[in-house]
Amino acid sequence: MEYVGLFLGNLSNYKSFGHTKFIPRVEENVFEKLVRATEDEDVIRLWEETKGEIYSPSPLCLGFPDEGNTTGFYSSDMSKDDIRLLEAFCEDVKLDALNSRFFKGSGSDMELG
């Protein structure tokens, strides 16, 4: 329950202040028993798809993907320079980047989601 509360309160498994990852304080098999007790196929499928990431301590911090960190705002193939270019663009057009997601396409194309 503590993990679920932290996850929902931070909208991810990273602390909203400090940007470090947290993992459940119970063994993976115990958490899995709770998930399977729901008998909900969608919940079990999501668990199967994400359990490795839930219990993996890496990446430990939020930050630039090309420095081995993770982010929910930019695709993992974006460099620091790409991100700074997008931030400057957003500032120029008065777009709040915090409510946006950016993805790098083929070549130098970038997509706002």
Protein backbone atom coordinates (compact mmCIF):
# COMPACT_ATOMS: atom_id res chain seq x y z
CA MET A 1 0.00 0.00 0.00
CA GLU A 2 2.85 2.37 0.79
CA TYR A 3 4.34 1.89 -2.70
CA VAL A 4 0.97 2.47 -4.38
CA GLY A 5 0.45 5.65 -2.34
CA LEU A 6 3.92 6.95 -3.23
CA PHE A 7 3.42 6.06 -6.89
CA LEU A 8 0.06 7.82 -7.13
CA GLY A 9 1.24 10.82 -5.12
CA ASN A 10 4.26 11.32 -7.39
CA LEU A 11 2.52 10.23 -10.62
CA SER A 12 5.43 7.84 -11.24
CA ASN A 13 7.97 5.74 -9.38
CA TYR A 14 10.29 8.74 -9.03
CA LYS A 15 10.00 11.25 -6.18
CA SER A 16 8.56 14.52 -7.49
CA PHE A 17 11.13 16.42 -5.40
CA GLY A 18 14.60 14.95 -5.61
CA HIS A 19 13.85 12.93 -8.74
CA THR A 20 15.14 9.63 -7.36
CA LYS A 21 13.54 6.27 -8.00
CA PHE A 22 11.77 4.28 -5.29
CA ILE A 23 10.92 0.58 -5.38
CA PRO A 24 8.51 -1.50 -3.30
CA ARG A 25 9.78 -2.61 0.12
CA VAL A 26 8.41 -6.13 -0.34
CA GLU A 27 9.88 -8.99 -2.34
CA GLU A 28 8.78 -9.14 -5.97
CA ASN A 29 6.97 -12.46 -5.43
CA VAL A 30 4.90 -10.93 -2.59
CA PHE A 31 3.93 -7.96 -4.76
CA GLU A 32 3.06 -10.35 -7.59
CA LYS A 33 0.72 -12.34 -5.31
CA LEU A 34 -1.16 -9.12 -4.55
CA VAL A 35 -1.41 -8.27 -8.24
CA ARG A 36 -2.65 -11.74 -9.17
CA ALA A 37 -5.19 -11.67 -6.32
CA THR A 38 -7.06 -9.00 -8.29
CA GLU A 39 -7.86 -11.64 -10.93
CA ASP A 40 -7.98 -8.75 -13.41
CA GLU A 41 -6.41 -9.69 -16.75
CA ASP A 42 -5.48 -6.08 -17.58
CA VAL A 43 -3.78 -5.54 -14.21
CA ILE A 44 -1.87 -8.82 -14.53
CA ARG A 45 -0.81 -7.99 -18.10
CA LEU A 46 0.45 -4.55 -17.02
CA TRP A 47 2.33 -6.17 -14.14
CA GLU A 48 4.02 -8.62 -16.53
CA GLU A 49 5.01 -5.75 -18.82
CA THR A 50 6.42 -3.51 -16.07
CA LYS A 51 7.64 -5.64 -13.15
CA GLY A 52 11.24 -5.55 -14.39
CA GLU A 53 11.23 -1.76 -14.43
CA ILE A 54 9.40 -1.50 -11.11
CA TYR A 55 12.05 -3.51 -9.29
CA SER A 56 15.11 -2.34 -11.22
CA PRO A 57 17.07 0.35 -9.34
CA SER A 58 18.21 1.89 -12.61
CA PRO A 59 18.02 4.40 -13.89
CA LEU A 60 18.14 5.84 -10.40
CA CYS A 61 17.59 9.48 -11.32
CA LEU A 62 15.59 11.64 -13.65
CA GLY A 63 17.70 13.67 -16.04
CA PHE A 64 19.17 13.70 -19.52
CA PRO A 65 18.78 10.34 -21.30
CA ASP A 66 22.23 10.56 -22.92
CA GLU A 67 23.76 10.69 -19.42
CA GLY A 68 22.19 7.37 -18.41
CA ASN A 69 19.17 8.89 -16.69
CA THR A 70 15.48 8.72 -17.54
CA THR A 71 12.75 11.23 -18.26
CA GLY A 72 9.05 11.16 -18.95
CA PHE A 73 9.19 14.29 -21.09
CA TYR A 74 11.63 13.32 -23.85
CA SER A 75 12.28 10.13 -25.83
CA SER A 76 15.40 8.23 -24.80
CA ASP A 77 17.23 9.02 -28.06
CA MET A 78 17.22 12.79 -27.46
CA SER A 79 20.50 14.49 -26.60
CA LYS A 80 21.03 17.42 -24.26
CA ASP A 81 21.36 19.67 -27.31
CA ASP A 82 18.03 18.41 -28.71
CA ILE A 83 16.33 19.12 -25.39
CA ARG A 84 17.82 22.60 -25.08
CA LEU A 85 16.70 23.38 -28.64
CA LEU A 86 13.14 22.29 -27.81
CA GLU A 87 13.13 24.27 -24.57
CA ALA A 88 14.22 27.41 -26.45
CA PHE A 89 11.52 26.81 -29.07
CA CYS A 90 8.85 26.39 -26.39
CA GLU A 91 9.96 29.59 -24.71
CA ASP A 92 9.83 31.48 -28.03
CA VAL A 93 6.28 30.32 -28.80
CA LYS A 94 5.19 30.60 -25.13
CA LEU A 95 4.42 26.89 -24.77
CA ASP A 96 4.69 25.32 -21.32
CA ALA A 97 7.03 22.37 -21.90
CA LEU A 98 6.08 20.81 -18.55
CA ASN A 99 2.72 19.78 -19.98
CA SER A 100 4.22 18.34 -23.17
CA ARG A 101 6.08 15.26 -24.34
CA PHE A 102 8.71 15.33 -27.09
CA PHE A 103 9.82 12.52 -29.38
CA LYS A 104 12.67 12.36 -31.84
CA GLY A 105 11.72 11.07 -35.27
CA SER A 106 13.89 10.08 -38.17
CA GLY A 107 16.81 12.38 -38.87
CA SER A 108 16.44 15.73 -37.14
CA ASP A 109 12.62 15.67 -36.95
CA MET A 110 11.07 16.07 -33.51
CA GLU A 111 7.44 15.59 -32.55
CA LEU A 112 5.42 17.27 -29.83
CA GLY A 113 2.96 14.95 -28.11
